Protein backbone atom coordinates (compact mmCIF):
# COMPACT_ATOMS: atom_id res chain seq x y z
CA UNK A 1 16.50 -25.47 -26.91
CA UNK A 2 13.13 -27.12 -27.33
CA UNK A 3 10.10 -25.16 -28.50
CA UNK A 4 8.23 -25.93 -25.29
CA UNK A 5 11.07 -24.48 -23.19
CA UNK A 6 11.15 -21.35 -25.34
CA UNK A 7 7.38 -20.99 -25.01
CA UNK A 8 7.64 -21.42 -21.23
CA UNK A 9 10.29 -18.71 -20.95
CA UNK A 10 8.19 -16.36 -23.11
CA UNK A 11 5.10 -16.93 -20.97
CA UNK A 12 7.12 -16.39 -17.79
CA UNK A 13 8.46 -13.12 -19.22
CA UNK A 14 4.95 -11.95 -20.06
CA UNK A 15 3.76 -12.75 -16.54
CA UNK A 16 6.65 -10.75 -15.03
CA UNK A 17 5.88 -7.79 -17.29
CA UNK A 18 2.15 -7.98 -16.47
CA UNK A 19 2.93 -8.11 -12.73
CA UNK A 20 5.23 -5.11 -12.98
CA UNK A 21 2.59 -3.17 -14.90
CA UNK A 22 -0.11 -4.05 -12.41
CA UNK A 23 2.16 -3.04 -9.52
CA UNK A 24 2.93 0.30 -11.12
CA UNK A 25 -0.73 1.10 -11.74
CA UNK A 26 -1.73 0.06 -8.22
CA UNK A 27 0.96 2.21 -6.65
CA UNK A 28 -0.53 5.32 -8.22
CA UNK A 29 -3.81 5.02 -6.31
CA UNK A 30 -3.50 7.99 -3.91
CA UNK A 31 -5.41 8.42 -0.68
CA UNK A 32 -8.16 11.06 -0.66
CA UNK A 33 -9.61 12.98 2.28
CA UNK A 34 -12.94 11.15 1.89
CA UNK A 35 -11.16 7.78 2.06
CA UNK A 36 -9.07 8.93 5.04
CA UNK A 37 -12.26 9.79 6.91
CA UNK A 38 -13.68 6.30 6.29
CA UNK A 39 -10.74 4.65 8.07
CA UNK A 40 -11.78 4.49 11.70
CA UNK A 41 -9.98 3.64 14.94
CA UNK A 42 -10.23 -0.08 15.58
CA UNK A 43 -10.03 -1.04 11.90
CA UNK A 44 -7.40 -3.40 10.51
CA UNK A 45 -4.52 -2.66 8.15
CA UNK A 46 -6.47 -4.54 5.47
CA UNK A 47 -9.07 -1.74 5.48
CA UNK A 48 -6.31 0.82 4.89
CA UNK A 49 -5.14 -0.97 1.75
CA UNK A 50 -8.63 -1.13 0.28
CA UNK A 51 -8.46 2.65 -0.04
CA UNK A 52 -4.85 3.39 -1.02
CA UNK A 53 -1.79 1.61 -2.26
CA UNK A 54 0.60 4.56 -1.90
CA UNK A 55 1.39 3.55 1.67
CA UNK A 56 4.84 2.84 3.05
CA UNK A 57 5.66 1.16 6.32
CA UNK A 58 8.03 3.29 8.38
CA UNK A 59 10.05 0.42 9.85
CA UNK A 60 10.61 -2.98 8.29
CA UNK A 61 10.93 -5.03 11.47
CA UNK A 62 9.46 -3.29 14.49
CA UNK A 63 10.13 -4.68 17.95
CA UNK A 64 7.58 -6.99 19.54
CA UNK A 65 4.43 -5.13 20.60
CA UNK A 66 5.78 -1.94 19.03
CA UNK A 67 3.27 0.20 17.11
CA UNK A 68 3.45 0.01 13.33
CA UNK A 69 3.34 3.24 11.34
CA UNK A 70 2.09 3.56 7.77
CA UNK A 71 2.39 6.76 5.73
CA UNK A 72 0.07 7.12 2.72
CA UNK A 73 0.33 9.84 0.10
CA UNK A 74 -2.26 11.96 -1.66
CA UNK A 75 -2.51 12.78 -5.36
CA UNK A 76 -0.15 15.76 -5.28
CA UNK A 77 2.65 13.78 -3.63
CA UNK A 78 3.10 16.25 -0.78
CA UNK A 79 -0.17 15.58 1.06
CA UNK A 80 -0.13 12.58 3.34
CA UNK A 81 -1.71 10.67 6.17
CA UNK A 82 -0.04 8.69 8.93
CA UNK A 83 -1.71 5.67 10.50
CA UNK A 84 -0.60 4.04 13.76
CA UNK A 85 -1.40 0.37 14.37
CA UNK A 86 -0.85 -1.77 17.44
CA UNK A 87 -1.33 -5.52 17.10
CA UNK A 88 -2.90 -4.92 13.66
CA UNK A 89 -5.54 -2.47 14.93
CA UNK A 90 -5.63 1.27 14.13
CA UNK A 91 -5.37 3.40 17.28
CA UNK A 92 -4.45 6.82 15.86
CA UNK A 93 -4.21 8.73 12.59
CA UNK A 94 -3.33 12.19 11.28
CA UNK A 95 -3.37 13.85 7.86
CA UNK A 96 -2.12 16.99 6.19
CA UNK A 97 -3.22 18.46 2.87
CA UNK A 98 -5.45 15.62 1.64
CA UNK A 99 -8.24 16.73 -0.68
């Protein structure tokens, strides 16, 4: 194997490791009550992800024109908030235990 191929594989491996590390640090950014209160009806999903990355979509492929539900978790793992989006716009939200 040529040195350039070995170097390329090593660099690719480092990029994969760096991406995995970045993903694991981002996923530990819990939603707080103050952040929850900043997310207003009419805002986009993009706004939601500026505040928390602990969110999970409830269904992978919702039916056409079917509301999308995101659940985001607080720091303790048991507190959460649920956000309901229709056509990419927040129309309802609820939370329990966020601090």
